[in-house]
Amino acid sequence: MIEEWLNEYGEVTSFSFMIYSYYGVRDNAIINFALTDKLINSNMVKTRYCQSIEDVHEESAEELNVKRGLNVQWVFPQSLTSKHQKIIIDTISDGLDHLNIAYDLYGVLGDVN
């Protein structure tokens, strides 16, 4: 999907979080519903995004210098304003806090070509 979006839109922006607690389908649905609602209400024209969820096992964790857990990425098919980046980071972080899920913001990559 990301490669397809790069070809179509020319750039993507990715938000990567490491999650260290149980993170189920319900948790993910709650976060995504809140995120979509916030973006629509902030007049973001394209609220389309995809998600990648990957287990980070012991060996990978050592290589990446992180703890074991899940790497969850939200990927948008465009460059984002700092306002929208803040909304995305705050909404995901607030949702994870509300659900008592341990996490770290791993990074934001924009304009990936």
C-alpha atoms as a PDB file:
ATOM      1  CA  MET A   1       0.000   0.000   0.000  1.00  0.00           C
ATOM      2  CA  ILE A   2       2.773   2.467   0.918  1.00  0.00           C
ATOM      3  CA  GLU A   3       4.616   1.930  -2.362  1.00  0.00           C
ATOM      4  CA  GLU A   4       1.338   2.339  -4.245  1.00  0.00           C
ATOM      5  CA  TRP A   5       0.667   5.639  -2.440  1.00  0.00           C
ATOM      6  CA  LEU A   6       4.189   6.887  -3.125  1.00  0.00           C
ATOM      7  CA  ASN A   7       3.601   6.296  -6.828  1.00  0.00           C
ATOM      8  CA  GLU A   8       0.150   7.917  -6.747  1.00  0.00           C
ATOM      9  CA  TYR A   9       0.699  10.833  -4.325  1.00  0.00           C
ATOM     10  CA  GLY A  10       4.480  11.260  -4.397  1.00  0.00           C
ATOM     11  CA  GLU A  11       4.849  11.271  -0.605  1.00  0.00           C
ATOM     12  CA  VAL A  12       3.598   9.670   2.595  1.00  0.00           C
ATOM     13  CA  THR A  13       3.773  10.534   6.278  1.00  0.00           C
ATOM     14  CA  SER A  14       4.140   7.745   8.849  1.00  0.00           C
ATOM     15  CA  PHE A  15       3.615   7.809  12.631  1.00  0.00           C
ATOM     16  CA  SER A  16       5.235   4.889  14.430  1.00  0.00           C
ATOM     17  CA  PHE A  17       4.416   3.875  18.009  1.00  0.00           C
ATOM     18  CA  MET A  18       5.925   1.053  20.058  1.00  0.00           C
ATOM     19  CA  ILE A  19       3.251  -0.567  22.225  1.00  0.00           C
ATOM     20  CA  TYR A  20       4.284  -2.625  25.243  1.00  0.00           C
ATOM     21  CA  SER A  21       0.890  -3.715  26.596  1.00  0.00           C
ATOM     22  CA  TYR A  22      -1.899  -5.868  25.243  1.00  0.00           C
ATOM     23  CA  TYR A  23      -3.352  -4.091  22.190  1.00  0.00           C
ATOM     24  CA  GLY A  24      -6.419  -5.804  20.817  1.00  0.00           C
ATOM     25  CA  VAL A  25      -8.835  -5.271  17.949  1.00  0.00           C
ATOM     26  CA  ARG A  26     -11.185  -3.259  20.184  1.00  0.00           C
ATOM     27  CA  ASP A  27      -8.354  -0.969  21.319  1.00  0.00           C
ATOM     28  CA  ASN A  28      -7.300  -0.404  17.722  1.00  0.00           C
ATOM     29  CA  ALA A  29     -10.887   0.331  16.639  1.00  0.00           C
ATOM     30  CA  ILE A  30     -11.322   2.902  19.420  1.00  0.00           C
ATOM     31  CA  ILE A  31      -8.107   4.715  18.489  1.00  0.00           C
ATOM     32  CA  ASN A  32      -8.906   4.687  14.759  1.00  0.00           C
ATOM     33  CA  PHE A  33     -12.474   5.913  15.292  1.00  0.00           C
ATOM     34  CA  ALA A  34     -11.232   8.814  17.441  1.00  0.00           C
ATOM     35  CA  LEU A  35      -8.458   9.624  14.976  1.00  0.00           C
ATOM     36  CA  THR A  36     -10.791   9.697  11.961  1.00  0.00           C
ATOM     37  CA  ASP A  37     -13.323  11.826  13.868  1.00  0.00           C
ATOM     38  CA  LYS A  38     -10.648  14.332  14.958  1.00  0.00           C
ATOM     39  CA  LEU A  39      -9.225  14.633  11.458  1.00  0.00           C
ATOM     40  CA  ILE A  40     -12.630  15.153   9.857  1.00  0.00           C
ATOM     41  CA  ASN A  41     -13.479  17.809  12.447  1.00  0.00           C
ATOM     42  CA  SER A  42     -10.139  19.575  11.842  1.00  0.00           C
ATOM     43  CA  ASN A  43     -11.052  19.993   8.153  1.00  0.00           C
ATOM     44  CA  MET A  44      -8.369  17.635   6.920  1.00  0.00           C
ATOM     45  CA  VAL A  45      -9.328  17.088   3.286  1.00  0.00           C
ATOM     46  CA  LYS A  46      -7.995  13.523   2.969  1.00  0.00           C
ATOM     47  CA  THR A  47      -8.571  11.445   6.085  1.00  0.00           C
ATOM     48  CA  ARG A  48      -7.438   8.265   4.360  1.00  0.00           C
ATOM     49  CA  TYR A  49      -4.716   6.248   6.091  1.00  0.00           C
ATOM     50  CA  CYS A  50      -3.538   2.686   6.428  1.00  0.00           C
ATOM     51  CA  GLN A  51      -2.037   0.849   9.330  1.00  0.00           C
ATOM     52  CA  SER A  52       0.777  -1.603   9.822  1.00  0.00           C
ATOM     53  CA  ILE A  53       1.033  -3.684  12.993  1.00  0.00           C
ATOM     54  CA  GLU A  54       4.155  -5.770  13.468  1.00  0.00           C
ATOM     55  CA  ASP A  55       5.429  -7.885  16.364  1.00  0.00           C
ATOM     56  CA  VAL A  56       8.871  -6.848  17.554  1.00  0.00           C
ATOM     57  CA  HIS A  57      10.402 -10.018  18.994  1.00  0.00           C
ATOM     58  CA  GLU A  58      13.490 -10.291  21.191  1.00  0.00           C
ATOM     59  CA  GLU A  59      15.976 -10.477  18.329  1.00  0.00           C
ATOM     60  CA  SER A  60      14.475  -7.530  16.449  1.00  0.00           C
ATOM     61  CA  ALA A  61      14.178  -5.545  19.682  1.00  0.00           C
ATOM     62  CA  GLU A  62      17.902  -5.959  20.318  1.00  0.00           C
ATOM     63  CA  GLU A  63      18.745  -4.848  16.776  1.00  0.00           C
ATOM     64  CA  LEU A  64      16.467  -1.787  17.026  1.00  0.00           C
ATOM     65  CA  ASN A  65      17.446  -1.041  20.633  1.00  0.00           C
ATOM     66  CA  VAL A  66      13.826  -1.136  21.826  1.00  0.00           C
ATOM     67  CA  LYS A  67      11.791  -3.345  24.131  1.00  0.00           C
ATOM     68  CA  ARG A  68       9.700  -6.202  22.772  1.00  0.00           C
ATOM     69  CA  GLY A  69       6.160  -5.292  21.804  1.00  0.00           C
ATOM     70  CA  LEU A  70       4.158  -4.147  18.812  1.00  0.00           C
ATOM     71  CA  ASN A  71       5.195  -1.552  16.302  1.00  0.00           C
ATOM     72  CA  VAL A  72       2.027   0.184  15.116  1.00  0.00           C
ATOM     73  CA  GLN A  73       2.252   2.636  12.242  1.00  0.00           C
ATOM     74  CA  TRP A  74      -0.369   4.989  10.870  1.00  0.00           C
ATOM     75  CA  VAL A  75       0.534   5.965   7.302  1.00  0.00           C
ATOM     76  CA  PHE A  76      -1.038   8.884   5.416  1.00  0.00           C
ATOM     77  CA  PRO A  77      -0.778   9.358   1.622  1.00  0.00           C
ATOM     78  CA  GLN A  78       0.430  12.940   1.816  1.00  0.00           C
ATOM     79  CA  SER A  79       2.629  15.466   3.516  1.00  0.00           C
ATOM     80  CA  LEU A  80       0.902  16.854   6.625  1.00  0.00           C
ATOM     81  CA  THR A  81       0.897  20.258   8.248  1.00  0.00           C
ATOM     82  CA  SER A  82       2.408  20.560  11.715  1.00  0.00           C
ATOM     83  CA  LYS A  83      -1.156  21.183  12.992  1.00  0.00           C
ATOM     84  CA  HIS A  84      -2.374  17.845  11.610  1.00  0.00           C
ATOM     85  CA  GLN A  85       0.761  16.026  12.779  1.00  0.00           C
ATOM     86  CA  LYS A  86       0.099  17.311  16.309  1.00  0.00           C
ATOM     87  CA  ILE A  87      -3.573  16.259  16.138  1.00  0.00           C
ATOM     88  CA  ILE A  88      -2.564  12.752  15.040  1.00  0.00           C
ATOM     89  CA  ILE A  89       0.133  12.322  17.691  1.00  0.00           C
ATOM     90  CA  ASP A  90      -2.047  13.786  20.468  1.00  0.00           C
ATOM     91  CA  THR A  91      -5.126  11.740  19.523  1.00  0.00           C
ATOM     92  CA  ILE A  92      -3.234   8.437  19.359  1.00  0.00           C
ATOM     93  CA  SER A  93      -1.320   9.211  22.578  1.00  0.00           C
ATOM     94  CA  ASP A  94      -4.470  10.328  24.436  1.00  0.00           C
ATOM     95  CA  GLY A  95      -6.286   7.178  23.316  1.00  0.00           C
ATOM     96  CA  LEU A  96      -3.466   4.883  24.408  1.00  0.00           C
ATOM     97  CA  ASP A  97      -3.263   6.709  27.764  1.00  0.00           C
ATOM     98  CA  HIS A  98      -7.038   6.429  28.248  1.00  0.00           C
ATOM     99  CA  LEU A  99      -6.876   2.693  27.523  1.00  0.00           C
ATOM    100  CA  ASN A 100      -3.934   2.305  29.967  1.00  0.00           C
ATOM    101  CA  ILE A 101      -1.654   1.006  27.238  1.00  0.00           C
ATOM    102  CA  ALA A 102       2.115   1.461  27.668  1.00  0.00           C
ATOM    103  CA  TYR A 103       3.729   2.995  24.581  1.00  0.00           C
ATOM    104  CA  ASP A 104       6.423   5.252  23.144  1.00  0.00           C
ATOM    105  CA  LEU A 105       6.226   7.440  20.071  1.00  0.00           C
ATOM    106  CA  TYR A 106       8.952   5.809  17.989  1.00  0.00           C
ATOM    107  CA  GLY A 107       9.066   8.399  15.242  1.00  0.00           C
ATOM    108  CA  VAL A 108       7.452  10.414  12.484  1.00  0.00           C
ATOM    109  CA  LEU A 109       8.636  10.141   8.904  1.00  0.00           C
ATOM    110  CA  GLY A 110       7.346  12.626   6.372  1.00  0.00           C
ATOM    111  CA  ASP A 111       7.826  13.160   2.682  1.00  0.00           C
ATOM    112  CA  VAL A 112       9.212   9.650   2.248  1.00  0.00           C
ATOM    113  CA  ASN A 113      10.253   9.160  -1.377  1.00  0.00           C
END
